[in-house]
Amino acid sequence: MIEFIKLQLKKTLETAFSDRYGQTVNVVVEEPKRKEQGDLSVPVFTIAKAVGMPVSSALTEIREVLLASDIAGLFSDIVPAGGFLNLRLDPQALVARILTESIRAGEDIGRSTANAGEVVCIDYSSPNIAKPFSIGHLRSTIIGHALGNLLEKTGAKVVRINHLGISARSSEKSSAPFSVSATASASRPIRSTNS
């Protein structure tokens, strides 16, 4: 969700400055180095330089644009600090937004095309069926299944593999393609049979 908010913040500011000044402005939204400064930060120097105004005026204008935007409710605090505009997210507003978006999206929540065209192979726990099954096998199978579901939501084709290990019966079957007829003679070459 934080990446979505960063993107919305960037788009909001770039559109506002483009409309007001007729110039393309590249807005950077980052996380401050120290957590006490806030959750997000917008360096104002490049914006001020691009539109030809003092940093203090750019700080004021950016703050006004944000307060008038539809994402203003997500922030509990918008504070200018030097050449940066520091923003603190309001946890309650953020949770309310996430729940609203989740309900609106329904079954399509999290769906994207981020991994479209990718083929991902997930190898599950592959327990040896001749040995005891442990909670570790179940845990890694559940994790693999969850990862597969997430990858499918992002457009990937997921191939799931859960090889059931080696047992006496499976080793007999695996050697079957190379069995030789009992009547094979030295004059006939040995060949594999398909079963």
C-alpha atoms as a PDB file:
ATOM      1  CA  MET A   1       0.000   0.000   0.000  1.00  0.00           C
ATOM      2  CA  ILE A   2       2.895   2.371   0.735  1.00  0.00           C
ATOM      3  CA  GLU A   3       4.106   2.061  -2.856  1.00  0.00           C
ATOM      4  CA  PHE A   4       0.593   2.873  -4.086  1.00  0.00           C
ATOM      5  CA  ILE A   5       0.509   5.990  -1.877  1.00  0.00           C
ATOM      6  CA  LYS A   6       3.954   7.051  -3.128  1.00  0.00           C
ATOM      7  CA  LEU A   7       2.758   6.689  -6.721  1.00  0.00           C
ATOM      8  CA  GLN A   8      -0.467   8.630  -6.044  1.00  0.00           C
ATOM      9  CA  LEU A   9       1.507  11.375  -4.316  1.00  0.00           C
ATOM     10  CA  LYS A  10       3.946  11.588  -7.219  1.00  0.00           C
ATOM     11  CA  LYS A  11       1.144  11.722  -9.826  1.00  0.00           C
ATOM     12  CA  THR A  12      -0.803  14.337  -7.852  1.00  0.00           C
ATOM     13  CA  LEU A  13       2.177  16.680  -7.557  1.00  0.00           C
ATOM     14  CA  GLU A  14       3.442  16.168 -11.126  1.00  0.00           C
ATOM     15  CA  THR A  15      -0.029  16.837 -12.569  1.00  0.00           C
ATOM     16  CA  ALA A  16      -0.541  19.939 -10.417  1.00  0.00           C
ATOM     17  CA  PHE A  17       2.810  21.483 -11.363  1.00  0.00           C
ATOM     18  CA  SER A  18       2.402  20.562 -15.013  1.00  0.00           C
ATOM     19  CA  ASP A  19      -1.038  22.233 -15.094  1.00  0.00           C
ATOM     20  CA  ARG A  20       0.124  25.349 -13.242  1.00  0.00           C
ATOM     21  CA  TYR A  21       3.486  25.929 -14.904  1.00  0.00           C
ATOM     22  CA  GLY A  22       3.259  24.022 -18.178  1.00  0.00           C
ATOM     23  CA  GLN A  23       6.435  22.101 -17.361  1.00  0.00           C
ATOM     24  CA  THR A  24       7.153  18.466 -16.713  1.00  0.00           C
ATOM     25  CA  VAL A  25       8.403  18.111 -13.159  1.00  0.00           C
ATOM     26  CA  ASN A  26       9.913  14.876 -11.865  1.00  0.00           C
ATOM     27  CA  VAL A  27       8.722  14.460  -8.282  1.00  0.00           C
ATOM     28  CA  VAL A  28      10.579  12.065  -6.004  1.00  0.00           C
ATOM     29  CA  VAL A  29       8.783  10.501  -3.047  1.00  0.00           C
ATOM     30  CA  GLU A  30      11.029   8.668  -0.624  1.00  0.00           C
ATOM     31  CA  GLU A  31      11.121   7.357   2.899  1.00  0.00           C
ATOM     32  CA  PRO A  32      13.125   9.564   5.291  1.00  0.00           C
ATOM     33  CA  LYS A  33      16.385   8.234   6.685  1.00  0.00           C
ATOM     34  CA  ARG A  34      15.170   8.775  10.263  1.00  0.00           C
ATOM     35  CA  LYS A  35      11.717   7.453  11.205  1.00  0.00           C
ATOM     36  CA  GLU A  36      10.947  10.412  13.507  1.00  0.00           C
ATOM     37  CA  GLN A  37      10.916  12.672  10.432  1.00  0.00           C
ATOM     38  CA  GLY A  38       7.797  10.948   9.114  1.00  0.00           C
ATOM     39  CA  ASP A  39       6.718   8.091   6.876  1.00  0.00           C
ATOM     40  CA  LEU A  40       7.270   9.772   3.509  1.00  0.00           C
ATOM     41  CA  SER A  41       9.310  12.714   2.317  1.00  0.00           C
ATOM     42  CA  VAL A  42       9.319  14.862  -0.823  1.00  0.00           C
ATOM     43  CA  PRO A  43      12.619  16.593  -1.646  1.00  0.00           C
ATOM     44  CA  VAL A  44      11.609  20.041  -2.890  1.00  0.00           C
ATOM     45  CA  PHE A  45      14.905  21.331  -4.366  1.00  0.00           C
ATOM     46  CA  THR A  46      14.416  19.812  -7.836  1.00  0.00           C
ATOM     47  CA  ILE A  47      10.786  20.924  -8.012  1.00  0.00           C
ATOM     48  CA  ALA A  48      11.680  24.509  -7.014  1.00  0.00           C
ATOM     49  CA  LYS A  49      14.486  24.601  -9.568  1.00  0.00           C
ATOM     50  CA  ALA A  50      12.281  23.188 -12.365  1.00  0.00           C
ATOM     51  CA  VAL A  51       9.563  25.828 -11.900  1.00  0.00           C
ATOM     52  CA  GLY A  52      11.965  28.660 -10.978  1.00  0.00           C
ATOM     53  CA  MET A  53      10.768  29.535  -7.491  1.00  0.00           C
ATOM     54  CA  PRO A  54      12.363  29.696  -4.041  1.00  0.00           C
ATOM     55  CA  VAL A  55      12.317  26.498  -2.000  1.00  0.00           C
ATOM     56  CA  SER A  56      10.137  28.083   0.702  1.00  0.00           C
ATOM     57  CA  SER A  57       7.475  29.031  -1.885  1.00  0.00           C
ATOM     58  CA  ALA A  58       7.612  25.545  -3.422  1.00  0.00           C
ATOM     59  CA  LEU A  59       7.153  23.980   0.037  1.00  0.00           C
ATOM     60  CA  THR A  60       4.054  26.109   0.646  1.00  0.00           C
ATOM     61  CA  GLU A  61       2.599  25.345  -2.783  1.00  0.00           C
ATOM     62  CA  ILE A  62       3.217  21.586  -2.501  1.00  0.00           C
ATOM     63  CA  ARG A  63       1.561  21.565   0.935  1.00  0.00           C
ATOM     64  CA  GLU A  64      -1.484  23.392  -0.483  1.00  0.00           C
ATOM     65  CA  VAL A  65      -1.732  20.978  -3.424  1.00  0.00           C
ATOM     66  CA  LEU A  66      -1.605  17.986  -1.076  1.00  0.00           C
ATOM     67  CA  LEU A  67      -4.201  19.402   1.316  1.00  0.00           C
ATOM     68  CA  ALA A  68      -6.586  19.936  -1.625  1.00  0.00           C
ATOM     69  CA  SER A  69      -6.027  16.443  -3.093  1.00  0.00           C
ATOM     70  CA  ASP A  70      -8.063  13.268  -2.561  1.00  0.00           C
ATOM     71  CA  ILE A  71      -5.160  11.631  -0.693  1.00  0.00           C
ATOM     72  CA  ALA A  72      -4.934  14.423   1.926  1.00  0.00           C
ATOM     73  CA  GLY A  73      -6.944  12.350   4.415  1.00  0.00           C
ATOM     74  CA  LEU A  74      -4.224   9.699   4.524  1.00  0.00           C
ATOM     75  CA  PHE A  75      -1.801  12.083   6.227  1.00  0.00           C
ATOM     76  CA  SER A  76      -1.967  13.157   9.863  1.00  0.00           C
ATOM     77  CA  ASP A  77       0.882  15.623   9.481  1.00  0.00           C
ATOM     78  CA  ILE A  78       2.463  17.526   6.572  1.00  0.00           C
ATOM     79  CA  VAL A  79       5.536  19.381   7.828  1.00  0.00           C
ATOM     80  CA  PRO A  80       8.145  21.402   5.894  1.00  0.00           C
ATOM     81  CA  ALA A  81      11.677  20.655   7.133  1.00  0.00           C
ATOM     82  CA  GLY A  82      14.543  22.366   5.335  1.00  0.00           C
ATOM     83  CA  GLY A  83      14.219  21.477   1.676  1.00  0.00           C
ATOM     84  CA  PHE A  84      11.883  18.549   2.342  1.00  0.00           C
ATOM     85  CA  LEU A  85       8.180  18.129   2.916  1.00  0.00           C
ATOM     86  CA  ASN A  86       7.777  15.346   5.481  1.00  0.00           C
ATOM     87  CA  LEU A  87       4.501  13.437   5.675  1.00  0.00           C
ATOM     88  CA  ARG A  88       3.211  11.224   8.445  1.00  0.00           C
ATOM     89  CA  LEU A  89       0.545   8.667   7.557  1.00  0.00           C
ATOM     90  CA  ASP A  90      -2.619   8.464   9.657  1.00  0.00           C
ATOM     91  CA  PRO A  91      -2.907   4.754  10.607  1.00  0.00           C
ATOM     92  CA  GLN A  92      -6.702   4.832  11.035  1.00  0.00           C
ATOM     93  CA  ALA A  93      -7.264   6.556   7.699  1.00  0.00           C
ATOM     94  CA  LEU A  94      -4.863   4.107   6.050  1.00  0.00           C
ATOM     95  CA  VAL A  95      -6.696   1.075   7.459  1.00  0.00           C
ATOM     96  CA  ALA A  96     -10.059   2.555   6.425  1.00  0.00           C
ATOM     97  CA  ARG A  97      -8.726   3.131   2.873  1.00  0.00           C
ATOM     98  CA  ILE A  98      -7.318  -0.399   2.652  1.00  0.00           C
ATOM     99  CA  LEU A  99     -10.601  -1.939   3.844  1.00  0.00           C
ATOM    100  CA  THR A 100     -12.647   0.210   1.468  1.00  0.00           C
ATOM    101  CA  GLU A 101     -10.418  -0.733  -1.471  1.00  0.00           C
ATOM    102  CA  SER A 102     -10.495  -4.414  -0.457  1.00  0.00           C
ATOM    103  CA  ILE A 103     -14.290  -4.494  -0.326  1.00  0.00           C
ATOM    104  CA  ARG A 104     -14.545  -2.623  -3.628  1.00  0.00           C
ATOM    105  CA  ALA A 105     -12.067  -4.970  -5.354  1.00  0.00           C
ATOM    106  CA  GLY A 106     -13.694  -8.170  -4.044  1.00  0.00           C
ATOM    107  CA  GLU A 107     -12.175 -11.242  -5.711  1.00  0.00           C
ATOM    108  CA  ASP A 108      -9.885  -9.053  -7.815  1.00  0.00           C
ATOM    109  CA  ILE A 109      -7.972  -7.679  -4.836  1.00  0.00           C
ATOM    110  CA  GLY A 110      -4.267  -7.818  -5.554  1.00  0.00           C
ATOM    111  CA  ARG A 111      -4.764  -8.743  -9.214  1.00  0.00           C
ATOM    112  CA  SER A 112      -2.204  -7.179 -11.531  1.00  0.00           C
ATOM    113  CA  THR A 113      -0.137  -7.899 -14.609  1.00  0.00           C
ATOM    114  CA  ALA A 114       3.227  -7.425 -12.878  1.00  0.00           C
ATOM    115  CA  ASN A 115       4.318 -10.999 -13.730  1.00  0.00           C
ATOM    116  CA  ALA A 116       2.334 -11.496 -16.935  1.00  0.00           C
ATOM    117  CA  GLY A 117       4.049 -13.888 -19.322  1.00  0.00           C
ATOM    118  CA  GLU A 118       6.304 -15.324 -16.591  1.00  0.00           C
ATOM    119  CA  VAL A 119       6.349 -19.049 -15.891  1.00  0.00           C
ATOM    120  CA  VAL A 120       7.197 -19.897 -12.287  1.00  0.00           C
ATOM    121  CA  CYS A 121       7.874 -23.406 -11.031  1.00  0.00           C
ATOM    122  CA  ILE A 122       7.135 -24.069  -7.368  1.00  0.00           C
ATOM    123  CA  ASP A 123       8.524 -27.285  -5.929  1.00  0.00           C
ATOM    124  CA  TYR A 124       6.542 -28.255  -2.838  1.00  0.00           C
ATOM    125  CA  SER A 125       7.819 -30.303   0.101  1.00  0.00           C
ATOM    126  CA  SER A 126       8.097 -33.510  -1.971  1.00  0.00           C
ATOM    127  CA  PRO A 127       7.885 -35.908   0.976  1.00  0.00           C
ATOM    128  CA  ASN A 128       9.296 -39.409   0.758  1.00  0.00           C
ATOM    129  CA  ILE A 129       6.163 -41.544   1.127  1.00  0.00           C
ATOM    130  CA  ALA A 130       8.204 -44.393   2.583  1.00  0.00           C
ATOM    131  CA  LYS A 131       9.104 -42.221   5.596  1.00  0.00           C
ATOM    132  CA  PRO A 132       7.037 -40.411   8.249  1.00  0.00           C
ATOM    133  CA  PHE A 133       5.259 -37.234   7.181  1.00  0.00           C
ATOM    134  CA  SER A 134       6.114 -34.282   9.442  1.00  0.00           C
ATOM    135  CA  ILE A 135       4.680 -30.850  10.134  1.00  0.00           C
ATOM    136  CA  GLY A 136       7.664 -29.452   8.205  1.00  0.00           C
ATOM    137  CA  HIS A 137       6.326 -31.019   5.005  1.00  0.00           C
ATOM    138  CA  LEU A 138       2.906 -29.480   5.589  1.00  0.00           C
ATOM    139  CA  ARG A 139       4.400 -26.058   6.405  1.00  0.00           C
ATOM    140  CA  SER A 140       6.452 -25.818   3.213  1.00  0.00           C
ATOM    141  CA  THR A 141       3.518 -27.101   1.134  1.00  0.00           C
ATOM    142  CA  ILE A 142       1.264 -24.382   2.564  1.00  0.00           C
ATOM    143  CA  ILE A 143       3.916 -21.707   1.947  1.00  0.00           C
ATOM    144  CA  GLY A 144       4.416 -22.947  -1.625  1.00  0.00           C
ATOM    145  CA  HIS A 145       0.671 -22.936  -2.278  1.00  0.00           C
ATOM    146  CA  ALA A 146       0.296 -19.396  -0.890  1.00  0.00           C
ATOM    147  CA  LEU A 147       3.174 -18.159  -3.062  1.00  0.00           C
ATOM    148  CA  GLY A 148       1.610 -19.851  -6.087  1.00  0.00           C
ATOM    149  CA  ASN A 149      -1.721 -18.125  -5.433  1.00  0.00           C
ATOM    150  CA  LEU A 150      -0.022 -14.729  -5.104  1.00  0.00           C
ATOM    151  CA  LEU A 151       1.967 -15.238  -8.300  1.00  0.00           C
ATOM    152  CA  GLU A 152      -1.168 -16.277 -10.205  1.00  0.00           C
ATOM    153  CA  LYS A 153      -2.905 -13.078  -9.028  1.00  0.00           C
ATOM    154  CA  THR A 154      -0.060 -11.090 -10.584  1.00  0.00           C
ATOM    155  CA  GLY A 155      -0.411 -12.815 -13.947  1.00  0.00           C
ATOM    156  CA  ALA A 156       2.247 -15.543 -13.758  1.00  0.00           C
ATOM    157  CA  LYS A 157       1.644 -19.084 -15.012  1.00  0.00           C
ATOM    158  CA  VAL A 158       2.481 -21.255 -12.022  1.00  0.00           C
ATOM    159  CA  VAL A 159       3.644 -24.848 -12.400  1.00  0.00           C
ATOM    160  CA  ARG A 160       3.298 -26.693  -9.095  1.00  0.00           C
ATOM    161  CA  ILE A 161       5.391 -29.804  -8.445  1.00  0.00           C
ATOM    162  CA  ASN A 162       5.050 -32.153  -5.490  1.00  0.00           C
ATOM    163  CA  HIS A 163       7.100 -35.240  -6.273  1.00  0.00           C
ATOM    164  CA  LEU A 164       6.191 -38.005  -3.845  1.00  0.00           C
ATOM    165  CA  GLY A 165       9.706 -39.266  -3.198  1.00  0.00           C
ATOM    166  CA  ILE A 166      11.174 -42.706  -3.716  1.00  0.00           C
ATOM    167  CA  SER A 167       9.475 -45.858  -2.527  1.00  0.00           C
ATOM    168  CA  ALA A 168      10.042 -49.457  -3.503  1.00  0.00           C
ATOM    169  CA  ARG A 169       7.077 -49.355  -5.908  1.00  0.00           C
ATOM    170  CA  SER A 170       8.100 -46.094  -7.593  1.00  0.00           C
ATOM    171  CA  SER A 171      11.670 -47.311  -8.119  1.00  0.00           C
ATOM    172  CA  GLU A 172      10.314 -50.413  -9.870  1.00  0.00           C
ATOM    173  CA  LYS A 173       8.265 -48.222 -12.201  1.00  0.00           C
ATOM    174  CA  SER A 174      11.150 -45.851 -12.868  1.00  0.00           C
ATOM    175  CA  SER A 175      13.340 -48.728 -14.083  1.00  0.00           C
ATOM    176  CA  ALA A 176      10.567 -50.192 -16.270  1.00  0.00           C
ATOM    177  CA  PRO A 177      11.456 -48.251 -19.440  1.00  0.00           C
ATOM    178  CA  PHE A 178      14.855 -49.932 -19.407  1.00  0.00           C
ATOM    179  CA  SER A 179      13.686 -53.510 -18.839  1.00  0.00           C
ATOM    180  CA  VAL A 180      14.862 -56.173 -21.228  1.00  0.00           C
ATOM    181  CA  SER A 181      12.919 -59.169 -22.399  1.00  0.00           C
ATOM    182  CA  ALA A 182      13.954 -62.481 -20.775  1.00  0.00           C
ATOM    183  CA  THR A 183      14.566 -63.951 -24.230  1.00  0.00           C
ATOM    184  CA  ALA A 184      17.040 -61.252 -25.280  1.00  0.00           C
ATOM    185  CA  SER A 185      20.112 -62.784 -26.749  1.00  0.00           C
ATOM    186  CA  ALA A 186      23.610 -61.432 -27.130  1.00  0.00           C
ATOM    187  CA  SER A 187      23.040 -61.044 -30.864  1.00  0.00           C
ATOM    188  CA  ARG A 188      20.148 -58.596 -30.328  1.00  0.00           C
ATOM    189  CA  PRO A 189      20.966 -55.138 -29.000  1.00  0.00           C
ATOM    190  CA  ILE A 190      19.344 -54.058 -25.738  1.00  0.00           C
ATOM    191  CA  ARG A 191      16.764 -51.323 -26.232  1.00  0.00           C
ATOM    192  CA  SER A 192      14.402 -49.426 -23.998  1.00  0.00           C
ATOM    193  CA  THR A 193      10.690 -50.111 -24.001  1.00  0.00           C
ATOM    194  CA  ASN A 194       8.028 -47.512 -23.469  1.00  0.00           C
ATOM    195  CA  SER A 195       5.473 -48.362 -20.839  1.00  0.00           C
END
